[in-house]
Amino acid sequence: MLITMSIRQSINIARAKFYNIVTNYNFIKKSSIIVIAIYLSLLLIAVIIAAIWDPYGYTIWTRMISDLGGSNYTPAPIIFDIACIFAGIMTIPLTFYIENLFAPLPKRKNLREQHFSRLRFRLGSNAFFFSLMGNIGYIFVGIFSEDRNYPLLDFASYHDVFSFFSFTGFALGAFFIGWIIVLYDTKVPKLFGIYGIIGPPSMLFAFLFTMEALWEWILLFSILLWIIPLVFMILRNSELRPN
């Protein structure tokens, strides 16, 4: 019994330390700038290399994003793999930070006191779940790249499944965060919240409907146009910091 309690206490302490780190403004500031700079650089390098060496001719309107991780299209598929794994890992703290920022746990002195919105909390929980799904999915997109595209189901491979999880997670994460921005005073422009509700989710549906390379790239750009401006809004506005 004592051993069980000791293990549980150690887990709780470790979890609290992790949460304090990933919700620290200075940590998020440094990690966010690093991941944006390195991910965009690696993605651009991967595209340039594929465009130069792909014997079939690599363009964003004819080739899927995943082809950047295939040795049939590029001599350096590892660049895209690293970009996915790195971005997936480094955006996990941002997911925790945004949840703590836009839908913090209620601080109550007693159980009868309620000064928080249940809807806001639920929207934040959904945003956290789907954003984390996107983070983890993107990590495994890099692990199970096109060169390691092992079959999982009769109609899909590991890469296909994790790509779906990644895009769906990021798009729906934007959708729920967008609603928080629109419905509540978050110090983020309401128009940007509307983009989160409409932009990435609509591009996700367009890609799933067409399954064409250009729409996949547009979906990726719509997600980047959500995440990157949101990060800089948070970093530049002192009011957008958890208490």
C-alpha atoms as a PDB file:
ATOM      1  CA  MET A   1       0.000   0.000   0.000  1.00  0.00           C
ATOM      2  CA  LEU A   2       2.795   2.399   0.936  1.00  0.00           C
ATOM      3  CA  ILE A   3       4.679   1.496  -2.234  1.00  0.00           C
ATOM      4  CA  THR A   4       1.589   2.205  -4.344  1.00  0.00           C
ATOM      5  CA  MET A   5       1.079   5.570  -2.656  1.00  0.00           C
ATOM      6  CA  SER A   6       4.754   6.437  -3.132  1.00  0.00           C
ATOM      7  CA  ILE A   7       4.583   5.600  -6.858  1.00  0.00           C
ATOM      8  CA  ARG A   8       1.389   7.619  -7.261  1.00  0.00           C
ATOM      9  CA  GLN A   9       2.911  10.572  -5.419  1.00  0.00           C
ATOM     10  CA  SER A  10       6.028  10.424  -7.620  1.00  0.00           C
ATOM     11  CA  ILE A  11       3.857  10.382 -10.749  1.00  0.00           C
ATOM     12  CA  ASN A  12       1.834  13.347  -9.503  1.00  0.00           C
ATOM     13  CA  ILE A  13       4.992  15.322  -8.709  1.00  0.00           C
ATOM     14  CA  ALA A  14       6.483  14.552 -12.131  1.00  0.00           C
ATOM     15  CA  ARG A  15       3.218  15.470 -13.843  1.00  0.00           C
ATOM     16  CA  ALA A  16       3.036  18.764 -11.946  1.00  0.00           C
ATOM     17  CA  LYS A  17       6.627  19.626 -12.870  1.00  0.00           C
ATOM     18  CA  PHE A  18       5.957  18.842 -16.538  1.00  0.00           C
ATOM     19  CA  TYR A  19       2.808  20.967 -16.553  1.00  0.00           C
ATOM     20  CA  ASN A  20       4.603  23.883 -14.899  1.00  0.00           C
ATOM     21  CA  ILE A  21       7.319  23.729 -17.552  1.00  0.00           C
ATOM     22  CA  VAL A  22       5.019  23.518 -20.596  1.00  0.00           C
ATOM     23  CA  THR A  23       2.781  26.324 -19.327  1.00  0.00           C
ATOM     24  CA  ASN A  24       5.702  28.649 -18.601  1.00  0.00           C
ATOM     25  CA  TYR A  25       5.698  31.686 -20.895  1.00  0.00           C
ATOM     26  CA  ASN A  26       9.474  31.892 -21.355  1.00  0.00           C
ATOM     27  CA  PHE A  27       9.699  28.207 -22.240  1.00  0.00           C
ATOM     28  CA  ILE A  28       6.877  28.489 -24.772  1.00  0.00           C
ATOM     29  CA  LYS A  29       8.404  31.631 -26.272  1.00  0.00           C
ATOM     30  CA  LYS A  30      11.721  29.927 -26.958  1.00  0.00           C
ATOM     31  CA  SER A  31      10.327  26.549 -28.036  1.00  0.00           C
ATOM     32  CA  SER A  32       7.713  28.080 -30.360  1.00  0.00           C
ATOM     33  CA  ILE A  33      10.207  30.293 -32.181  1.00  0.00           C
ATOM     34  CA  ILE A  34      12.618  27.380 -32.519  1.00  0.00           C
ATOM     35  CA  VAL A  35      10.037  24.959 -33.912  1.00  0.00           C
ATOM     36  CA  ILE A  36       8.608  27.482 -36.387  1.00  0.00           C
ATOM     37  CA  ALA A  37      12.048  28.413 -37.717  1.00  0.00           C
ATOM     38  CA  ILE A  38      13.395  24.862 -37.944  1.00  0.00           C
ATOM     39  CA  TYR A  39      10.213  23.236 -39.285  1.00  0.00           C
ATOM     40  CA  LEU A  40       9.659  25.803 -42.034  1.00  0.00           C
ATOM     41  CA  SER A  41      13.341  25.643 -42.993  1.00  0.00           C
ATOM     42  CA  LEU A  42      13.359  21.837 -43.184  1.00  0.00           C
ATOM     43  CA  LEU A  43      10.094  21.790 -45.134  1.00  0.00           C
ATOM     44  CA  LEU A  44      11.410  24.320 -47.645  1.00  0.00           C
ATOM     45  CA  ILE A  45      14.706  22.462 -48.029  1.00  0.00           C
ATOM     46  CA  ALA A  46      12.842  19.169 -48.535  1.00  0.00           C
ATOM     47  CA  VAL A  47      10.658  20.705 -51.257  1.00  0.00           C
ATOM     48  CA  ILE A  48      13.631  22.297 -53.047  1.00  0.00           C
ATOM     49  CA  ILE A  49      15.624  19.054 -53.017  1.00  0.00           C
ATOM     50  CA  ALA A  50      12.634  17.070 -54.303  1.00  0.00           C
ATOM     51  CA  ALA A  51      11.932  19.669 -57.005  1.00  0.00           C
ATOM     52  CA  ILE A  52      15.541  19.436 -58.232  1.00  0.00           C
ATOM     53  CA  TRP A  53      16.135  15.676 -58.020  1.00  0.00           C
ATOM     54  CA  ASP A  54      12.701  14.091 -58.441  1.00  0.00           C
ATOM     55  CA  PRO A  55      12.922  12.272 -61.807  1.00  0.00           C
ATOM     56  CA  TYR A  56       9.182  12.724 -62.294  1.00  0.00           C
ATOM     57  CA  GLY A  57       9.187  16.432 -61.386  1.00  0.00           C
ATOM     58  CA  TYR A  58       8.025  17.430 -57.888  1.00  0.00           C
ATOM     59  CA  THR A  59       5.508  20.251 -57.588  1.00  0.00           C
ATOM     60  CA  ILE A  60       2.988  20.983 -54.844  1.00  0.00           C
ATOM     61  CA  TRP A  61       0.088  20.687 -57.279  1.00  0.00           C
ATOM     62  CA  THR A  62       1.081  17.237 -58.548  1.00  0.00           C
ATOM     63  CA  ARG A  63       2.796  15.536 -55.584  1.00  0.00           C
ATOM     64  CA  MET A  64       1.432  14.696 -52.150  1.00  0.00           C
ATOM     65  CA  ILE A  65       3.229  16.096 -49.109  1.00  0.00           C
ATOM     66  CA  SER A  66       4.110  12.563 -48.027  1.00  0.00           C
ATOM     67  CA  ASP A  67       6.182  12.075 -51.189  1.00  0.00           C
ATOM     68  CA  LEU A  68       8.815  14.269 -49.530  1.00  0.00           C
ATOM     69  CA  GLY A  69       9.463  11.274 -47.295  1.00  0.00           C
ATOM     70  CA  GLY A  70       9.851   8.821 -50.167  1.00  0.00           C
ATOM     71  CA  SER A  71      13.208   7.892 -51.701  1.00  0.00           C
ATOM     72  CA  ASN A  72      11.501   7.501 -55.086  1.00  0.00           C
ATOM     73  CA  TYR A  73      11.025  11.273 -55.197  1.00  0.00           C
ATOM     74  CA  THR A  74      13.916  12.715 -53.201  1.00  0.00           C
ATOM     75  CA  PRO A  75      17.457  11.667 -52.261  1.00  0.00           C
ATOM     76  CA  ALA A  76      16.959  13.032 -48.743  1.00  0.00           C
ATOM     77  CA  PRO A  77      13.607  11.786 -47.364  1.00  0.00           C
ATOM     78  CA  ILE A  78      15.051  11.939 -43.853  1.00  0.00           C
ATOM     79  CA  ILE A  79      14.738  15.749 -43.913  1.00  0.00           C
ATOM     80  CA  PHE A  80      10.947  15.630 -44.092  1.00  0.00           C
ATOM     81  CA  ASP A  81      10.805  12.787 -41.542  1.00  0.00           C
ATOM     82  CA  ILE A  82      12.823  14.833 -39.048  1.00  0.00           C
ATOM     83  CA  ALA A  83      10.682  17.906 -39.725  1.00  0.00           C
ATOM     84  CA  CYS A  84       7.491  15.991 -38.867  1.00  0.00           C
ATOM     85  CA  ILE A  85       8.864  14.322 -35.739  1.00  0.00           C
ATOM     86  CA  PHE A  86      10.463  17.543 -34.487  1.00  0.00           C
ATOM     87  CA  ALA A  87       7.362  19.668 -35.121  1.00  0.00           C
ATOM     88  CA  GLY A  88       5.069  17.088 -33.529  1.00  0.00           C
ATOM     89  CA  ILE A  89       7.138  16.893 -30.355  1.00  0.00           C
ATOM     90  CA  MET A  90       7.846  20.602 -30.033  1.00  0.00           C
ATOM     91  CA  THR A  91       4.203  21.656 -30.459  1.00  0.00           C
ATOM     92  CA  ILE A  92       2.995  19.471 -27.590  1.00  0.00           C
ATOM     93  CA  PRO A  93       3.949  22.136 -24.989  1.00  0.00           C
ATOM     94  CA  LEU A  94       2.079  24.722 -27.063  1.00  0.00           C
ATOM     95  CA  THR A  95      -1.062  22.577 -26.861  1.00  0.00           C
ATOM     96  CA  PHE A  96      -0.879  22.544 -23.051  1.00  0.00           C
ATOM     97  CA  TYR A  97      -0.121  26.260 -22.928  1.00  0.00           C
ATOM     98  CA  ILE A  98      -3.060  27.226 -25.144  1.00  0.00           C
ATOM     99  CA  GLU A  99      -5.454  25.093 -23.111  1.00  0.00           C
ATOM    100  CA  ASN A 100      -4.241  26.730 -19.908  1.00  0.00           C
ATOM    101  CA  LEU A 101      -4.529  30.150 -21.559  1.00  0.00           C
ATOM    102  CA  PHE A 102      -7.967  29.932 -23.158  1.00  0.00           C
ATOM    103  CA  ALA A 103      -9.707  27.414 -20.888  1.00  0.00           C
ATOM    104  CA  PRO A 104      -7.922  27.310 -17.519  1.00  0.00           C
ATOM    105  CA  LEU A 105      -9.119  25.087 -14.725  1.00  0.00           C
ATOM    106  CA  PRO A 106     -11.625  26.912 -12.505  1.00  0.00           C
ATOM    107  CA  LYS A 107     -10.206  28.380  -9.306  1.00  0.00           C
ATOM    108  CA  ARG A 108     -12.858  28.038  -6.641  1.00  0.00           C
ATOM    109  CA  LYS A 109     -12.655  28.494  -2.904  1.00  0.00           C
ATOM    110  CA  ASN A 110     -15.609  26.215  -2.326  1.00  0.00           C
ATOM    111  CA  LEU A 111     -17.678  23.771  -4.388  1.00  0.00           C
ATOM    112  CA  ARG A 112     -20.719  26.063  -4.579  1.00  0.00           C
ATOM    113  CA  GLU A 113     -18.793  28.929  -6.116  1.00  0.00           C
ATOM    114  CA  GLN A 114     -18.920  28.963  -9.921  1.00  0.00           C
ATOM    115  CA  HIS A 115     -17.296  31.683 -11.955  1.00  0.00           C
ATOM    116  CA  PHE A 116     -16.417  29.829 -15.113  1.00  0.00           C
ATOM    117  CA  SER A 117     -18.244  28.792 -18.253  1.00  0.00           C
ATOM    118  CA  ARG A 118     -18.916  25.091 -18.626  1.00  0.00           C
ATOM    119  CA  LEU A 119     -19.148  25.560 -22.395  1.00  0.00           C
ATOM    120  CA  ARG A 120     -15.753  27.266 -22.483  1.00  0.00           C
ATOM    121  CA  PHE A 121     -14.231  24.474 -20.460  1.00  0.00           C
ATOM    122  CA  ARG A 122     -15.721  21.830 -22.773  1.00  0.00           C
ATOM    123  CA  LEU A 123     -14.594  23.663 -25.881  1.00  0.00           C
ATOM    124  CA  GLY A 124     -11.117  23.885 -24.363  1.00  0.00           C
ATOM    125  CA  SER A 125     -11.112  20.173 -23.549  1.00  0.00           C
ATOM    126  CA  ASN A 126     -12.065  19.290 -27.118  1.00  0.00           C
ATOM    127  CA  ALA A 127      -9.457  21.697 -28.490  1.00  0.00           C
ATOM    128  CA  PHE A 128      -6.805  20.120 -26.265  1.00  0.00           C
ATOM    129  CA  PHE A 129      -7.759  16.561 -27.247  1.00  0.00           C
ATOM    130  CA  PHE A 130      -7.732  17.174 -30.993  1.00  0.00           C
ATOM    131  CA  SER A 131      -4.618  19.365 -30.925  1.00  0.00           C
ATOM    132  CA  LEU A 132      -2.747  16.677 -28.997  1.00  0.00           C
ATOM    133  CA  MET A 133      -4.016  14.118 -31.504  1.00  0.00           C
ATOM    134  CA  GLY A 134      -2.522  16.306 -34.231  1.00  0.00           C
ATOM    135  CA  ASN A 135       0.807  16.549 -32.383  1.00  0.00           C
ATOM    136  CA  ILE A 136       1.121  12.805 -31.848  1.00  0.00           C
ATOM    137  CA  GLY A 137      -0.157  12.010 -35.329  1.00  0.00           C
ATOM    138  CA  TYR A 138       2.491  14.235 -36.905  1.00  0.00           C
ATOM    139  CA  ILE A 139       5.244  12.521 -34.933  1.00  0.00           C
ATOM    140  CA  PHE A 140       4.167   9.164 -36.352  1.00  0.00           C
ATOM    141  CA  VAL A 141       3.832  10.609 -39.862  1.00  0.00           C
ATOM    142  CA  GLY A 142       7.596  11.097 -39.658  1.00  0.00           C
ATOM    143  CA  ILE A 143       8.204   7.679 -38.135  1.00  0.00           C
ATOM    144  CA  PHE A 144       5.987   5.846 -40.635  1.00  0.00           C
ATOM    145  CA  SER A 145       6.997   7.893 -43.661  1.00  0.00           C
ATOM    146  CA  GLU A 146       6.394   6.863 -47.253  1.00  0.00           C
ATOM    147  CA  ASP A 147       9.507   4.681 -47.179  1.00  0.00           C
ATOM    148  CA  ARG A 148       8.107   2.886 -44.110  1.00  0.00           C
ATOM    149  CA  ASN A 149       4.495   2.830 -45.234  1.00  0.00           C
ATOM    150  CA  TYR A 150       3.553  -0.535 -43.739  1.00  0.00           C
ATOM    151  CA  PRO A 151      -0.016  -1.830 -44.206  1.00  0.00           C
ATOM    152  CA  LEU A 152      -2.306  -1.528 -41.195  1.00  0.00           C
ATOM    153  CA  LEU A 153      -5.812  -2.106 -42.541  1.00  0.00           C
ATOM    154  CA  ASP A 154      -7.196  -3.486 -45.781  1.00  0.00           C
ATOM    155  CA  PHE A 155      -7.714   0.051 -47.057  1.00  0.00           C
ATOM    156  CA  ALA A 156      -5.010   2.041 -45.242  1.00  0.00           C
ATOM    157  CA  SER A 157      -1.420   1.973 -44.033  1.00  0.00           C
ATOM    158  CA  TYR A 158       0.147   3.269 -40.835  1.00  0.00           C
ATOM    159  CA  HIS A 159       1.171   6.424 -42.672  1.00  0.00           C
ATOM    160  CA  ASP A 160      -2.349   6.981 -44.003  1.00  0.00           C
ATOM    161  CA  VAL A 161      -3.916   6.579 -40.561  1.00  0.00           C
ATOM    162  CA  PHE A 162      -1.489   8.886 -38.785  1.00  0.00           C
ATOM    163  CA  SER A 163      -1.741  11.480 -41.561  1.00  0.00           C
ATOM    164  CA  PHE A 164      -5.499  11.462 -41.076  1.00  0.00           C
ATOM    165  CA  PHE A 165      -5.109  11.798 -37.287  1.00  0.00           C
ATOM    166  CA  SER A 166      -2.632  14.655 -37.725  1.00  0.00           C
ATOM    167  CA  PHE A 167      -4.627  16.753 -40.185  1.00  0.00           C
ATOM    168  CA  THR A 168      -7.947  16.064 -38.456  1.00  0.00           C
ATOM    169  CA  GLY A 169      -6.478  16.840 -35.045  1.00  0.00           C
ATOM    170  CA  PHE A 170      -4.983  20.174 -36.052  1.00  0.00           C
ATOM    171  CA  ALA A 171      -8.070  21.221 -38.038  1.00  0.00           C
ATOM    172  CA  LEU A 172     -10.560  20.390 -35.281  1.00  0.00           C
ATOM    173  CA  GLY A 173      -8.239  21.873 -32.668  1.00  0.00           C
ATOM    174  CA  ALA A 174      -8.418  25.152 -34.604  1.00  0.00           C
ATOM    175  CA  PHE A 175     -12.200  24.772 -34.862  1.00  0.00           C
ATOM    176  CA  PHE A 176     -12.745  24.553 -31.096  1.00  0.00           C
ATOM    177  CA  ILE A 177     -10.171  27.205 -30.190  1.00  0.00           C
ATOM    178  CA  GLY A 178     -11.799  29.444 -32.779  1.00  0.00           C
ATOM    179  CA  TRP A 179     -15.126  29.134 -30.995  1.00  0.00           C
ATOM    180  CA  ILE A 180     -13.505  30.103 -27.680  1.00  0.00           C
ATOM    181  CA  ILE A 181     -12.034  33.193 -29.324  1.00  0.00           C
ATOM    182  CA  VAL A 182     -15.365  34.146 -30.900  1.00  0.00           C
ATOM    183  CA  LEU A 183     -17.531  33.546 -27.820  1.00  0.00           C
ATOM    184  CA  TYR A 184     -15.277  34.889 -25.056  1.00  0.00           C
ATOM    185  CA  ASP A 185     -12.938  37.783 -24.332  1.00  0.00           C
ATOM    186  CA  THR A 186      -9.565  36.218 -25.109  1.00  0.00           C
ATOM    187  CA  LYS A 187      -7.775  39.362 -26.395  1.00  0.00           C
ATOM    188  CA  VAL A 188      -7.471  37.615 -29.778  1.00  0.00           C
ATOM    189  CA  PRO A 189      -9.329  39.224 -32.711  1.00  0.00           C
ATOM    190  CA  LYS A 190     -12.757  37.672 -33.297  1.00  0.00           C
ATOM    191  CA  LEU A 191     -12.057  37.587 -37.037  1.00  0.00           C
ATOM    192  CA  PHE A 192      -9.102  35.308 -36.404  1.00  0.00           C
ATOM    193  CA  GLY A 193     -11.366  33.041 -34.359  1.00  0.00           C
ATOM    194  CA  ILE A 194     -13.774  32.852 -37.300  1.00  0.00           C
ATOM    195  CA  TYR A 195     -10.861  31.796 -39.500  1.00  0.00           C
ATOM    196  CA  GLY A 196     -10.091  28.997 -37.032  1.00  0.00           C
ATOM    197  CA  ILE A 197     -13.702  27.796 -37.219  1.00  0.00           C
ATOM    198  CA  ILE A 198     -13.937  27.914 -41.006  1.00  0.00           C
ATOM    199  CA  GLY A 199     -10.412  27.816 -42.486  1.00  0.00           C
ATOM    200  CA  PRO A 200      -8.606  24.567 -41.551  1.00  0.00           C
ATOM    201  CA  PRO A 201     -11.821  22.479 -41.133  1.00  0.00           C
ATOM    202  CA  SER A 202     -13.153  23.449 -44.572  1.00  0.00           C
ATOM    203  CA  MET A 203      -9.770  22.712 -46.162  1.00  0.00           C
ATOM    204  CA  LEU A 204      -9.784  19.333 -44.401  1.00  0.00           C
ATOM    205  CA  PHE A 205     -13.170  18.473 -45.911  1.00  0.00           C
ATOM    206  CA  ALA A 206     -12.012  19.690 -49.339  1.00  0.00           C
ATOM    207  CA  PHE A 207      -8.946  17.457 -49.197  1.00  0.00           C
ATOM    208  CA  LEU A 208     -10.859  14.398 -47.943  1.00  0.00           C
ATOM    209  CA  PHE A 209     -13.408  14.923 -50.721  1.00  0.00           C
ATOM    210  CA  THR A 210     -10.863  15.311 -53.537  1.00  0.00           C
ATOM    211  CA  MET A 211      -7.766  13.507 -52.174  1.00  0.00           C
ATOM    212  CA  GLU A 212      -5.698  15.663 -54.520  1.00  0.00           C
ATOM    213  CA  ALA A 213      -2.147  16.867 -53.855  1.00  0.00           C
ATOM    214  CA  LEU A 214      -2.883  20.568 -54.219  1.00  0.00           C
ATOM    215  CA  TRP A 215      -5.695  20.444 -51.658  1.00  0.00           C
ATOM    216  CA  GLU A 216      -3.430  18.615 -49.215  1.00  0.00           C
ATOM    217  CA  TRP A 217      -0.883  21.417 -49.523  1.00  0.00           C
ATOM    218  CA  ILE A 218      -3.620  24.035 -49.130  1.00  0.00           C
ATOM    219  CA  LEU A 219      -4.762  22.209 -45.981  1.00  0.00           C
ATOM    220  CA  LEU A 220      -1.208  22.312 -44.588  1.00  0.00           C
ATOM    221  CA  PHE A 221      -0.899  26.027 -45.395  1.00  0.00           C
ATOM    222  CA  SER A 222      -4.276  26.735 -43.742  1.00  0.00           C
ATOM    223  CA  ILE A 223      -3.067  25.032 -40.546  1.00  0.00           C
ATOM    224  CA  LEU A 224       0.223  26.949 -40.601  1.00  0.00           C
ATOM    225  CA  LEU A 225      -1.692  30.188 -41.181  1.00  0.00           C
ATOM    226  CA  TRP A 226      -3.617  29.367 -38.020  1.00  0.00           C
ATOM    227  CA  ILE A 227      -0.828  28.209 -35.727  1.00  0.00           C
ATOM    228  CA  ILE A 228       1.941  30.688 -36.593  1.00  0.00           C
ATOM    229  CA  PRO A 229      -0.092  33.937 -36.262  1.00  0.00           C
ATOM    230  CA  LEU A 230      -1.691  32.607 -33.050  1.00  0.00           C
ATOM    231  CA  VAL A 231       1.741  31.944 -31.587  1.00  0.00           C
ATOM    232  CA  PHE A 232       2.952  35.457 -32.374  1.00  0.00           C
ATOM    233  CA  MET A 233      -0.247  37.000 -30.995  1.00  0.00           C
ATOM    234  CA  ILE A 234       0.381  35.158 -27.740  1.00  0.00           C
ATOM    235  CA  LEU A 235       4.049  36.130 -27.613  1.00  0.00           C
ATOM    236  CA  ARG A 236       3.506  39.811 -28.450  1.00  0.00           C
ATOM    237  CA  ASN A 237       0.527  40.509 -26.163  1.00  0.00           C
ATOM    238  CA  SER A 238       1.322  40.531 -22.465  1.00  0.00           C
ATOM    239  CA  GLU A 239      -2.371  40.021 -21.691  1.00  0.00           C
ATOM    240  CA  LEU A 240      -2.267  36.637 -23.435  1.00  0.00           C
ATOM    241  CA  ARG A 241      -0.423  34.936 -20.623  1.00  0.00           C
ATOM    242  CA  PRO A 242      -1.922  32.536 -18.076  1.00  0.00           C
ATOM    243  CA  ASN A 243      -2.119  33.961 -14.579  1.00  0.00           C
END
